[in-house]
Each structure stands twice: as structure tokens, then as C-alpha cells.
Amino acid sequence: MDFWSDFWNVIWFFITAFVFIAYLMVLFSIFADLFRDHELNGWWKALWLLTLVFIPFITALVYLIARGKGMAKRNHEIAARNTVATEDYIRTVANTSPSDEIVKAKALLDSGVINADEYEALKGRALGHASGAASPQV
């Protein structure tokens, strides 16, 4: 009998831990959304925060019901903005062609920063010949 009592206590512990962590995730999402929303004025934000502190479960449910669609829209807009910014950054960094790399290496050679062997190594790397670049197999 003691085994089953301990077993159900462990199960109950995991269920309550799951619910508590899920609730914390909802609270953090609501807090982030409140501070992210520029259309809501400061007094309404303060009111939402106060009610979240004093009546947490009901306020969280009301917030999700009343403002959930806008919350999802703001999250989607931020994700889209971050995706565009990441893609723009990748384009600026990776948008160098092998000829651009060779021109940069030649400028370094001409200025005396690198020697001829280093220039050839950079040229080979730009063309994909050196530094472990795999050659295409047919």
C-alpha cells in the first residue's frame, strides 16, 4: 500500500510541476506582450499588471481571451521582422563572390600586408581549391 501511495504522490508532483511551469510561461508571455504593445497606454498596462499580481489566474484567463488575437498578431509581426533582419544580415555577409575575395587578396598583396604564398592560399580558398573544400565528384 505504501508503494502506491508514493507512486501517486510522484505522479501528482509531476502534474503540479507541469501546471506551474505552464502558468509561469503564460505569465511571462503576458508580461512581454504588455510591454511590447505600443497601442495600450501606461494606465491600462499598470491596471493589467496589478490585477495579475492580486488575481492572477482569472486575470490571465481574461487577458488571453480579450487580447489573445492581438497577442498572436504582435508575436507574428516580431518573428517576421526578425526573419527579415536575419536574412538581410546573411545577404550582406555572404554576398561576396570569389572575384571579390580575389580582388581583396590582391589589394592586400599589393599593399604588402600578405606575401605571395598567402595570396595564392586566399585565391585558392576563394576558388574552392584549398582548405579542405570538397571537389565535385561525377
Protein backbone atom coordinates (compact mmCIF):
# COMPACT_ATOMS: atom_id res chain seq x y z
CA MET A 1 0.00 0.00 0.00
CA ASP A 2 2.87 2.36 0.74
CA PHE A 3 4.30 1.85 -2.78
CA TRP A 4 1.07 3.01 -4.47
CA SER A 5 0.76 5.99 -2.19
CA ASP A 6 4.31 7.06 -3.02
CA PHE A 7 3.71 6.37 -6.72
CA TRP A 8 0.66 8.62 -6.87
CA ASN A 9 2.49 11.30 -4.89
CA VAL A 10 5.21 11.31 -7.54
CA ILE A 11 2.62 11.49 -10.33
CA TRP A 12 0.84 14.32 -8.53
CA PHE A 13 4.15 16.17 -8.11
CA PHE A 14 4.87 16.00 -11.85
CA ILE A 15 1.35 17.15 -12.75
CA THR A 16 1.52 20.14 -10.39
CA ALA A 17 5.04 21.00 -11.61
CA PHE A 18 3.82 20.90 -15.22
CA VAL A 19 0.83 23.14 -14.46
CA PHE A 20 3.00 25.59 -12.51
CA ILE A 21 5.60 25.85 -15.30
CA ALA A 22 2.85 26.28 -17.91
CA TYR A 23 1.31 29.05 -15.79
CA LEU A 24 4.69 30.80 -15.48
CA MET A 25 5.12 30.63 -19.25
CA VAL A 26 1.69 32.23 -19.71
CA LEU A 27 2.55 34.98 -17.21
CA PHE A 28 5.86 35.75 -18.91
CA SER A 29 4.10 35.86 -22.28
CA ILE A 30 1.52 38.27 -20.90
CA PHE A 31 4.18 40.49 -19.32
CA ALA A 32 6.17 40.56 -22.56
CA ASP A 33 3.04 41.34 -24.56
CA LEU A 34 2.04 44.14 -22.22
CA PHE A 35 5.40 45.87 -22.55
CA ARG A 36 5.57 45.17 -26.30
CA ASP A 37 2.14 46.69 -27.06
CA HIS A 38 2.52 50.33 -28.07
CA GLU A 39 -1.22 50.92 -28.57
CA LEU A 40 -2.09 50.31 -24.90
CA ASN A 41 -1.40 53.32 -22.67
CA GLY A 42 0.52 53.15 -19.41
CA TRP A 43 -2.50 53.23 -17.10
CA TRP A 44 -4.07 50.18 -18.73
CA LYS A 45 -0.73 48.36 -18.55
CA ALA A 46 -0.46 49.20 -14.86
CA LEU A 47 -4.01 48.02 -14.26
CA TRP A 48 -3.35 44.71 -16.03
CA LEU A 49 -0.14 44.22 -14.01
CA LEU A 50 -1.84 44.99 -10.69
CA THR A 51 -4.67 42.59 -11.39
CA LEU A 52 -2.16 39.95 -12.48
CA VAL A 53 -0.47 40.30 -9.10
CA PHE A 54 -3.61 40.23 -6.96
CA ILE A 55 -5.97 38.00 -9.01
CA PRO A 56 -3.52 36.06 -11.16
CA PHE A 57 -5.44 33.08 -12.60
CA ILE A 58 -8.63 34.90 -13.53
CA THR A 59 -6.73 37.90 -14.92
CA ALA A 60 -4.51 35.67 -17.06
CA LEU A 61 -7.57 33.92 -18.50
CA VAL A 62 -9.35 37.23 -19.16
CA TYR A 63 -6.23 38.67 -20.79
CA LEU A 64 -5.80 35.66 -23.06
CA ILE A 65 -9.48 35.75 -24.05
CA ALA A 66 -9.69 39.52 -24.54
CA ARG A 67 -6.30 40.23 -26.08
CA GLY A 68 -5.12 36.85 -27.35
CA LYS A 69 -5.65 37.61 -31.03
CA GLY A 70 -3.65 40.83 -30.79
CA MET A 71 -1.01 39.00 -28.79
CA ALA A 72 -0.60 36.43 -31.56
CA LYS A 73 -0.51 39.18 -34.19
CA ARG A 74 2.26 41.07 -32.36
CA ASN A 75 4.29 37.86 -31.92
CA HIS A 76 3.91 37.09 -35.62
CA GLU A 77 4.98 40.62 -36.62
CA ILE A 78 8.07 40.43 -34.42
CA ALA A 79 9.00 37.00 -35.78
CA ALA A 80 8.58 38.26 -39.36
CA ARG A 81 10.66 41.35 -38.60
CA ASN A 82 13.42 39.23 -37.04
CA THR A 83 13.38 36.87 -40.02
CA VAL A 84 13.76 39.76 -42.48
CA ALA A 85 16.58 41.26 -40.41
CA THR A 86 18.38 37.92 -40.25
CA GLU A 87 18.03 37.34 -43.99
CA ASP A 88 19.29 40.87 -44.74
CA TYR A 89 22.29 40.33 -42.49
CA ILE A 90 23.09 37.00 -44.12
CA ARG A 91 22.85 38.59 -47.58
CA THR A 92 25.26 41.37 -46.62
CA VAL A 93 27.77 38.96 -45.11
CA ALA A 94 27.57 36.16 -47.65
CA ASN A 95 27.15 38.30 -50.76
CA THR A 96 30.81 38.24 -51.70
CA SER A 97 31.75 36.47 -54.87
CA PRO A 98 35.04 34.66 -55.47
CA SER A 99 36.19 37.52 -57.68
CA ASP A 100 35.58 39.99 -54.82
CA GLU A 101 37.65 37.82 -52.50
CA ILE A 102 40.48 37.64 -55.05
CA VAL A 103 40.40 41.43 -55.55
CA LYS A 104 40.63 41.93 -51.76
CA ALA A 105 43.50 39.45 -51.54
CA LYS A 106 45.31 41.22 -54.45
CA ALA A 107 44.89 44.57 -52.68
CA LEU A 108 46.42 43.06 -49.53
CA LEU A 109 49.30 41.65 -51.61
CA ASP A 110 49.89 45.00 -53.32
CA SER A 111 49.88 46.85 -50.01
CA GLY A 112 52.41 44.41 -48.58
CA VAL A 113 50.21 43.05 -45.81
CA ILE A 114 50.49 39.47 -47.12
CA ASN A 115 53.10 37.69 -49.19
CA ALA A 116 52.68 35.81 -52.49
CA ASP A 117 52.16 32.42 -50.80
CA GLU A 118 49.37 33.79 -48.61
CA TYR A 119 47.83 35.44 -51.68
CA GLU A 120 47.80 32.13 -53.52
CA ALA A 121 46.25 30.41 -50.49
CA LEU A 122 43.49 33.05 -50.29
CA LYS A 123 42.94 32.85 -54.03
CA GLY A 124 42.68 29.06 -53.86
CA ARG A 125 40.25 29.25 -50.95
CA ALA A 126 38.09 31.77 -52.85
CA LEU A 127 38.02 29.47 -55.85
CA GLY A 128 37.27 26.46 -53.67
CA HIS A 129 40.57 24.64 -54.34
CA ALA A 130 42.13 24.75 -50.90
CA SER A 131 41.41 24.40 -47.19
CA GLY A 132 39.54 21.14 -47.39
CA ALA A 133 36.93 22.23 -49.91
CA ALA A 134 35.37 19.17 -51.46
CA SER A 135 35.79 18.83 -55.17
CA PRO A 136 32.68 17.85 -57.09
CA GLN A 137 32.52 14.17 -57.92
CA VAL A 138 30.88 12.97 -61.07
